[in-house]
């Protein structure tokens, strides 16, 4: 299975940044075997929006490591 980032076109039909730039849209991350299957899963969630459609992109996740940065009283990073 692959991960896909899907967005709802219906929410961005008006004059807004998400209309022309899908990076500005709220995404739904869906596991599916193909882009078509991901689109179908979005259609099940939002059946009233199928006429407007959905934008589907294959998504490659990445590992994130969260670290705490400590500083001394002078603002220097403590290793």
N, C-alpha and C. Protein backbone atom coordinates (compact mmCIF):
# COMPACT_ATOMS: atom_id res chain seq x y z
N UNK A 1 0.84 -1.19 0.00
CA UNK A 1 0.00 0.00 0.00
C UNK A 1 0.87 1.24 0.00
N UNK A 2 0.32 2.30 -0.54
CA UNK A 2 1.00 3.59 -0.58
C UNK A 2 0.18 4.61 0.20
N UNK A 3 0.83 5.68 0.59
CA UNK A 3 0.14 6.76 1.27
C UNK A 3 -0.09 7.89 0.27
N UNK A 4 -1.31 8.44 0.31
CA UNK A 4 -1.68 9.53 -0.59
C UNK A 4 -2.18 10.71 0.22
N UNK A 5 -1.82 11.91 -0.24
CA UNK A 5 -2.37 13.14 0.36
C UNK A 5 -3.50 13.59 -0.55
N UNK A 6 -4.69 13.68 0.01
CA UNK A 6 -5.88 14.05 -0.75
C UNK A 6 -6.44 15.36 -0.21
N UNK A 7 -6.92 16.21 -1.11
CA UNK A 7 -7.57 17.45 -0.69
C UNK A 7 -8.92 17.56 -1.38
N UNK A 8 -9.79 18.31 -0.74
CA UNK A 8 -11.17 18.49 -1.23
C UNK A 8 -11.23 19.74 -2.09
N UNK A 9 -11.51 19.59 -3.37
CA UNK A 9 -11.57 20.73 -4.28
C UNK A 9 -12.71 21.68 -3.95
N UNK A 10 -13.84 21.17 -3.47
CA UNK A 10 -15.04 21.98 -3.24
C UNK A 10 -14.78 23.12 -2.25
N UNK A 11 -13.88 22.92 -1.31
CA UNK A 11 -13.62 23.94 -0.30
C UNK A 11 -12.80 25.12 -0.83
N UNK A 12 -12.24 24.97 -2.03
CA UNK A 12 -11.30 25.97 -2.53
C UNK A 12 -11.71 26.51 -3.90
N UNK A 13 -13.00 26.56 -4.17
CA UNK A 13 -13.48 27.07 -5.46
C UNK A 13 -13.54 28.60 -5.50
N UNK A 14 -13.59 29.23 -4.33
CA UNK A 14 -13.65 30.69 -4.28
C UNK A 14 -12.23 31.28 -4.38
N UNK A 15 -12.12 32.59 -4.39
CA UNK A 15 -10.83 33.26 -4.52
C UNK A 15 -10.05 33.16 -3.21
N UNK A 16 -9.16 32.17 -3.12
CA UNK A 16 -8.35 31.96 -1.92
C UNK A 16 -7.03 31.34 -2.34
N UNK A 17 -6.07 31.31 -1.44
CA UNK A 17 -4.76 30.76 -1.80
C UNK A 17 -4.81 29.27 -2.11
N UNK A 18 -5.71 28.53 -1.49
CA UNK A 18 -5.81 27.10 -1.75
C UNK A 18 -6.36 26.74 -3.11
N UNK A 19 -7.01 27.70 -3.78
CA UNK A 19 -7.55 27.42 -5.11
C UNK A 19 -6.43 27.11 -6.10
N UNK A 20 -5.35 27.87 -6.03
CA UNK A 20 -4.26 27.73 -7.00
C UNK A 20 -3.01 27.04 -6.44
N UNK A 21 -2.95 26.90 -5.14
CA UNK A 21 -1.77 26.31 -4.50
C UNK A 21 -2.22 25.24 -3.52
N UNK A 22 -2.10 23.97 -3.93
CA UNK A 22 -2.61 22.89 -3.09
C UNK A 22 -1.80 22.71 -1.81
N UNK A 23 -0.63 23.34 -1.71
CA UNK A 23 0.13 23.29 -0.45
C UNK A 23 -0.62 24.02 0.66
N UNK A 24 -1.51 24.93 0.28
CA UNK A 24 -2.27 25.71 1.25
C UNK A 24 -3.52 24.98 1.76
N UNK A 25 -3.79 23.82 1.21
CA UNK A 25 -5.00 23.08 1.55
C UNK A 25 -4.79 22.13 2.71
N UNK A 26 -5.89 21.88 3.44
CA UNK A 26 -5.88 20.85 4.47
C UNK A 26 -5.86 19.50 3.76
N UNK A 27 -4.96 18.63 4.16
CA UNK A 27 -4.85 17.34 3.51
C UNK A 27 -5.36 16.20 4.36
N UNK A 28 -5.81 15.17 3.69
CA UNK A 28 -6.22 13.92 4.32
C UNK A 28 -5.24 12.87 3.84
N UNK A 29 -4.64 12.13 4.75
CA UNK A 29 -3.63 11.14 4.39
C UNK A 29 -4.27 9.77 4.42
N UNK A 30 -4.28 9.14 3.25
CA UNK A 30 -5.03 7.90 3.06
C UNK A 30 -4.11 6.82 2.52
N UNK A 31 -4.21 5.64 3.11
CA UNK A 31 -3.48 4.48 2.61
C UNK A 31 -4.36 3.77 1.58
N UNK A 32 -3.79 3.53 0.39
CA UNK A 32 -4.53 2.87 -0.69
C UNK A 32 -3.54 2.21 -1.63
N UNK A 33 -4.06 1.34 -2.50
CA UNK A 33 -3.21 0.66 -3.48
C UNK A 33 -2.94 1.51 -4.72
N UNK A 34 -3.79 2.52 -4.96
CA UNK A 34 -3.62 3.37 -6.14
C UNK A 34 -4.25 4.73 -5.88
N UNK A 35 -3.95 5.68 -6.75
CA UNK A 35 -4.56 7.01 -6.64
C UNK A 35 -6.07 6.92 -6.83
N UNK A 36 -6.51 6.03 -7.70
CA UNK A 36 -7.94 5.86 -7.93
C UNK A 36 -8.65 5.35 -6.67
N UNK A 37 -8.01 4.42 -5.98
CA UNK A 37 -8.60 3.89 -4.75
C UNK A 37 -8.64 4.99 -3.68
N UNK A 38 -7.61 5.81 -3.60
CA UNK A 38 -7.61 6.92 -2.64
C UNK A 38 -8.74 7.89 -2.95
N UNK A 39 -8.96 8.18 -4.25
CA UNK A 39 -10.05 9.06 -4.67
C UNK A 39 -11.39 8.47 -4.24
N UNK A 40 -11.54 7.17 -4.44
CA UNK A 40 -12.78 6.49 -4.06
C UNK A 40 -13.02 6.56 -2.55
N UNK A 41 -11.96 6.44 -1.77
CA UNK A 41 -12.11 6.54 -0.31
C UNK A 41 -12.53 7.95 0.10
N UNK A 42 -12.02 8.96 -0.59
CA UNK A 42 -12.46 10.33 -0.34
C UNK A 42 -13.93 10.50 -0.73
N UNK A 43 -14.34 9.87 -1.82
CA UNK A 43 -15.73 9.96 -2.27
C UNK A 43 -16.68 9.32 -1.27
N UNK A 44 -16.23 8.29 -0.59
CA UNK A 44 -17.05 7.67 0.45
C UNK A 44 -17.20 8.62 1.64
N UNK A 45 -16.12 9.31 1.98
CA UNK A 45 -16.17 10.26 3.11
C UNK A 45 -16.99 11.50 2.78
N UNK A 46 -16.88 11.97 1.54
CA UNK A 46 -17.51 13.23 1.13
C UNK A 46 -18.31 13.03 -0.16
N UNK A 47 -19.39 12.24 -0.11
CA UNK A 47 -20.13 11.92 -1.34
C UNK A 47 -20.74 13.15 -2.02
N UNK A 48 -21.06 14.18 -1.27
CA UNK A 48 -21.67 15.38 -1.85
C UNK A 48 -20.65 16.23 -2.62
N UNK A 49 -19.36 15.85 -2.57
CA UNK A 49 -18.32 16.65 -3.24
C UNK A 49 -17.69 15.95 -4.44
N UNK A 50 -18.28 14.85 -4.89
CA UNK A 50 -17.67 14.12 -6.00
C UNK A 50 -17.69 14.91 -7.31
N UNK A 51 -18.68 15.79 -7.49
CA UNK A 51 -18.72 16.59 -8.72
C UNK A 51 -17.53 17.54 -8.79
N UNK A 52 -17.13 18.08 -7.65
CA UNK A 52 -15.96 18.98 -7.61
C UNK A 52 -14.66 18.20 -7.64
N UNK A 53 -14.72 16.98 -7.17
CA UNK A 53 -13.55 16.11 -7.19
C UNK A 53 -12.58 16.34 -6.05
N UNK A 54 -11.49 15.62 -6.11
CA UNK A 54 -10.46 15.64 -5.09
C UNK A 54 -9.11 15.65 -5.78
N UNK A 55 -8.15 16.27 -5.16
CA UNK A 55 -6.78 16.23 -5.67
C UNK A 55 -6.05 15.14 -4.89
N UNK A 56 -5.40 14.23 -5.61
CA UNK A 56 -4.72 13.10 -4.99
C UNK A 56 -3.26 13.12 -5.41
N UNK A 57 -2.37 13.10 -4.42
CA UNK A 57 -0.94 13.05 -4.68
C UNK A 57 -0.33 11.90 -3.91
N UNK A 58 0.57 11.17 -4.55
CA UNK A 58 1.30 10.15 -3.81
C UNK A 58 2.18 10.88 -2.80
N UNK A 59 2.19 10.37 -1.57
CA UNK A 59 2.88 11.05 -0.48
C UNK A 59 3.99 10.17 0.06
N UNK A 60 5.13 10.75 0.30
CA UNK A 60 6.22 9.99 0.91
C UNK A 60 6.47 10.55 2.29
N UNK A 61 6.10 9.79 3.27
CA UNK A 61 6.31 10.23 4.65
C UNK A 61 7.79 10.23 5.00
N UNK A 62 8.09 10.76 6.12
CA UNK A 62 9.48 10.80 6.56
C UNK A 62 9.52 10.67 8.07
N UNK A 63 10.67 10.27 8.56
CA UNK A 63 10.85 10.11 10.00
C UNK A 63 11.21 11.46 10.61
N UNK A 64 10.62 11.74 11.73
CA UNK A 64 10.89 12.99 12.43
C UNK A 64 11.45 12.66 13.80
N UNK A 65 12.49 13.36 14.17
CA UNK A 65 13.07 13.18 15.50
C UNK A 65 12.93 14.50 16.23
N UNK A 66 12.30 14.47 17.38
CA UNK A 66 12.09 15.66 18.19
C UNK A 66 13.14 15.67 19.29
N UNK A 67 13.85 16.79 19.41
CA UNK A 67 14.87 16.91 20.43
C UNK A 67 14.63 18.17 21.25
N UNK A 68 15.07 18.13 22.48
CA UNK A 68 14.97 19.30 23.34
C UNK A 68 16.30 20.03 23.30
N UNK A 69 16.26 21.32 23.05
CA UNK A 69 17.47 22.13 23.04
C UNK A 69 17.50 22.91 24.35
N UNK A 70 18.57 22.71 25.11
CA UNK A 70 18.72 23.41 26.38
C UNK A 70 19.76 24.51 26.21
N UNK A 71 19.48 25.63 26.87
CA UNK A 71 20.41 26.77 26.81
C UNK A 71 20.84 27.17 28.21
N UNK A 72 22.04 27.70 28.30
CA UNK A 72 22.50 28.20 29.60
C UNK A 72 21.98 29.63 29.79
N UNK A 73 22.37 30.26 30.90
CA UNK A 73 21.84 31.60 31.22
C UNK A 73 22.26 32.67 30.20
N UNK A 74 23.31 32.39 29.41
CA UNK A 74 23.75 33.34 28.38
C UNK A 74 23.10 33.08 27.03
N UNK A 75 22.28 32.04 26.95
CA UNK A 75 21.60 31.71 25.70
C UNK A 75 22.36 30.75 24.81
N UNK A 76 23.48 30.23 25.29
CA UNK A 76 24.27 29.27 24.51
C UNK A 76 23.66 27.87 24.61
N UNK A 77 23.71 27.15 23.52
CA UNK A 77 23.17 25.79 23.52
C UNK A 77 24.07 24.87 24.33
N UNK A 78 23.45 24.11 25.21
CA UNK A 78 24.16 23.12 26.01
C UNK A 78 24.14 21.80 25.26
N UNK A 79 25.28 21.28 24.95
CA UNK A 79 25.38 20.02 24.21
C UNK A 79 25.02 18.84 25.09
